[in-house]
Amino acid sequence: MRKLTDFISESFIWSVGITRPKPGQERLAALYITATLAASILAAMTMFLLVLHRL
């Protein structure tokens, strides 16, 4: 699981261009970025299904 969160974190840092976390904070930053992205994707899917259901 750690490799996956590290990969997602590195990809996000490189693609979006955010500032790298301080040394020693990489693990927490990776978990935060992964959780934020997962929540955003889940919210978008929920809104899509809600709109689809309303039609």
N, C-alpha and C. Protein backbone atom coordinates (compact mmCIF):
# COMPACT_ATOMS: atom_id res chain seq x y z
N MET A 1 0.82 -1.19 0.00
CA MET A 1 0.00 0.00 0.00
C MET A 1 0.86 1.25 0.00
N ARG A 2 1.99 1.18 0.65
CA ARG A 2 2.86 2.35 0.73
C ARG A 2 3.37 2.75 -0.64
N LYS A 3 3.72 1.78 -1.46
CA LYS A 3 4.21 2.08 -2.80
C LYS A 3 3.14 2.78 -3.63
N LEU A 4 1.88 2.35 -3.48
CA LEU A 4 0.78 2.95 -4.22
C LEU A 4 0.58 4.41 -3.82
N THR A 5 0.56 4.68 -2.51
CA THR A 5 0.39 6.07 -2.06
C THR A 5 1.58 6.93 -2.46
N ASP A 6 2.77 6.37 -2.41
CA ASP A 6 3.96 7.12 -2.85
C ASP A 6 3.89 7.44 -4.34
N PHE A 7 3.45 6.48 -5.14
CA PHE A 7 3.31 6.69 -6.58
C PHE A 7 2.28 7.78 -6.87
N ILE A 8 1.12 7.69 -6.22
CA ILE A 8 0.08 8.69 -6.42
C ILE A 8 0.57 10.07 -5.98
N SER A 9 1.25 10.13 -4.86
CA SER A 9 1.77 11.40 -4.36
C SER A 9 2.78 12.01 -5.32
N GLU A 10 3.72 11.21 -5.78
CA GLU A 10 4.73 11.71 -6.72
C GLU A 10 4.09 12.16 -8.03
N SER A 11 3.14 11.38 -8.52
CA SER A 11 2.46 11.75 -9.76
C SER A 11 1.72 13.07 -9.60
N PHE A 12 1.06 13.25 -8.47
CA PHE A 12 0.31 14.48 -8.21
C PHE A 12 1.26 15.67 -8.08
N ILE A 13 2.36 15.49 -7.38
CA ILE A 13 3.34 16.57 -7.20
C ILE A 13 3.90 17.00 -8.55
N TRP A 14 4.25 16.03 -9.40
CA TRP A 14 4.81 16.36 -10.71
C TRP A 14 3.78 16.94 -11.67
N SER A 15 2.56 16.40 -11.67
CA SER A 15 1.57 16.87 -12.65
C SER A 15 0.94 18.20 -12.26
N VAL A 16 0.68 18.42 -10.99
CA VAL A 16 0.02 19.65 -10.55
C VAL A 16 1.05 20.72 -10.19
N GLY A 17 2.21 20.29 -9.77
CA GLY A 17 3.27 21.25 -9.47
C GLY A 17 3.20 21.82 -8.06
N ILE A 18 2.68 21.05 -7.11
CA ILE A 18 2.64 21.55 -5.75
C ILE A 18 4.02 21.44 -5.12
N THR A 19 4.21 22.15 -4.05
CA THR A 19 5.48 22.13 -3.33
C THR A 19 5.67 20.78 -2.64
N ARG A 20 6.87 20.29 -2.69
CA ARG A 20 7.18 19.01 -2.03
C ARG A 20 7.04 19.15 -0.52
N PRO A 21 6.62 18.07 0.15
CA PRO A 21 6.52 18.12 1.61
C PRO A 21 7.90 18.20 2.25
N LYS A 22 7.92 18.69 3.48
CA LYS A 22 9.17 18.79 4.23
C LYS A 22 9.72 17.39 4.50
N PRO A 23 11.02 17.27 4.63
CA PRO A 23 11.59 15.96 4.98
C PRO A 23 10.98 15.44 6.28
N GLY A 24 10.60 14.19 6.26
CA GLY A 24 9.96 13.58 7.42
C GLY A 24 8.44 13.64 7.35
N GLN A 25 7.91 14.44 6.47
CA GLN A 25 6.46 14.58 6.32
C GLN A 25 5.94 13.91 5.05
N GLU A 26 6.80 13.21 4.33
CA GLU A 26 6.41 12.60 3.06
C GLU A 26 5.28 11.59 3.20
N ARG A 27 5.35 10.77 4.23
CA ARG A 27 4.34 9.71 4.43
C ARG A 27 2.97 10.32 4.68
N LEU A 28 2.92 11.31 5.56
CA LEU A 28 1.65 11.97 5.87
C LEU A 28 1.10 12.70 4.65
N ALA A 29 1.98 13.34 3.90
CA ALA A 29 1.55 14.04 2.68
C ALA A 29 1.01 13.05 1.65
N ALA A 30 1.66 11.90 1.51
CA ALA A 30 1.20 10.89 0.55
C ALA A 30 -0.18 10.38 0.93
N LEU A 31 -0.40 10.13 2.20
CA LEU A 31 -1.72 9.68 2.64
C LEU A 31 -2.77 10.76 2.44
N TYR A 32 -2.43 12.01 2.73
CA TYR A 32 -3.37 13.12 2.56
C TYR A 32 -3.74 13.32 1.09
N ILE A 33 -2.75 13.30 0.22
CA ILE A 33 -3.00 13.48 -1.21
C ILE A 33 -3.85 12.33 -1.75
N THR A 34 -3.53 11.11 -1.38
CA THR A 34 -4.29 9.95 -1.84
C THR A 34 -5.74 10.01 -1.34
N ALA A 35 -5.94 10.36 -0.08
CA ALA A 35 -7.29 10.44 0.47
C ALA A 35 -8.09 11.57 -0.20
N THR A 36 -7.44 12.69 -0.45
CA THR A 36 -8.12 13.82 -1.09
C THR A 36 -8.53 13.47 -2.52
N LEU A 37 -7.64 12.84 -3.26
CA LEU A 37 -7.98 12.43 -4.63
C LEU A 37 -9.09 11.38 -4.64
N ALA A 38 -9.03 10.42 -3.73
CA ALA A 38 -10.06 9.39 -3.66
C ALA A 38 -11.41 10.00 -3.31
N ALA A 39 -11.43 10.94 -2.37
CA ALA A 39 -12.68 11.60 -2.00
C ALA A 39 -13.23 12.43 -3.16
N SER A 40 -12.36 13.08 -3.92
CA SER A 40 -12.81 13.87 -5.07
C SER A 40 -13.41 12.98 -6.15
N ILE A 41 -12.79 11.86 -6.41
CA ILE A 41 -13.30 10.92 -7.41
C ILE A 41 -14.64 10.34 -6.95
N LEU A 42 -14.72 9.98 -5.67
CA LEU A 42 -15.97 9.45 -5.13
C LEU A 42 -17.09 10.49 -5.20
N ALA A 43 -16.79 11.74 -4.89
CA ALA A 43 -17.80 12.80 -4.96
C ALA A 43 -18.26 13.02 -6.40
N ALA A 44 -17.34 13.00 -7.35
CA ALA A 44 -17.71 13.18 -8.75
C ALA A 44 -18.58 12.02 -9.23
N MET A 45 -18.24 10.80 -8.86
CA MET A 45 -19.04 9.64 -9.25
C MET A 45 -20.43 9.71 -8.62
N THR A 46 -20.51 10.14 -7.37
CA THR A 46 -21.79 10.27 -6.69
C THR A 46 -22.67 11.31 -7.37
N MET A 47 -22.08 12.45 -7.70
CA MET A 47 -22.85 13.49 -8.40
C MET A 47 -23.32 13.00 -9.77
N PHE A 48 -22.46 12.30 -10.48
CA PHE A 48 -22.83 11.76 -11.78
C PHE A 48 -24.01 10.79 -11.66
N LEU A 49 -23.94 9.89 -10.70
CA LEU A 49 -25.02 8.93 -10.50
C LEU A 49 -26.30 9.62 -10.05
N LEU A 50 -26.18 10.64 -9.24
CA LEU A 50 -27.35 11.40 -8.80
C LEU A 50 -28.02 12.09 -9.98
N VAL A 51 -27.24 12.73 -10.83
CA VAL A 51 -27.79 13.39 -12.01
C VAL A 51 -28.38 12.36 -12.98
N LEU A 52 -27.71 11.26 -13.16
CA LEU A 52 -28.21 10.20 -14.03
C LEU A 52 -29.54 9.64 -13.51
N HIS A 53 -29.63 9.49 -12.22
CA HIS A 53 -30.85 8.98 -11.62
C HIS A 53 -32.02 9.97 -11.76
N ARG A 54 -31.72 11.26 -11.71
CA ARG A 54 -32.74 12.30 -11.82
C ARG A 54 -33.32 12.40 -13.23
N LEU A 55 -32.53 12.03 -14.23
CA LEU A 55 -32.98 12.10 -15.61
C LEU A 55 -33.86 10.93 -15.87
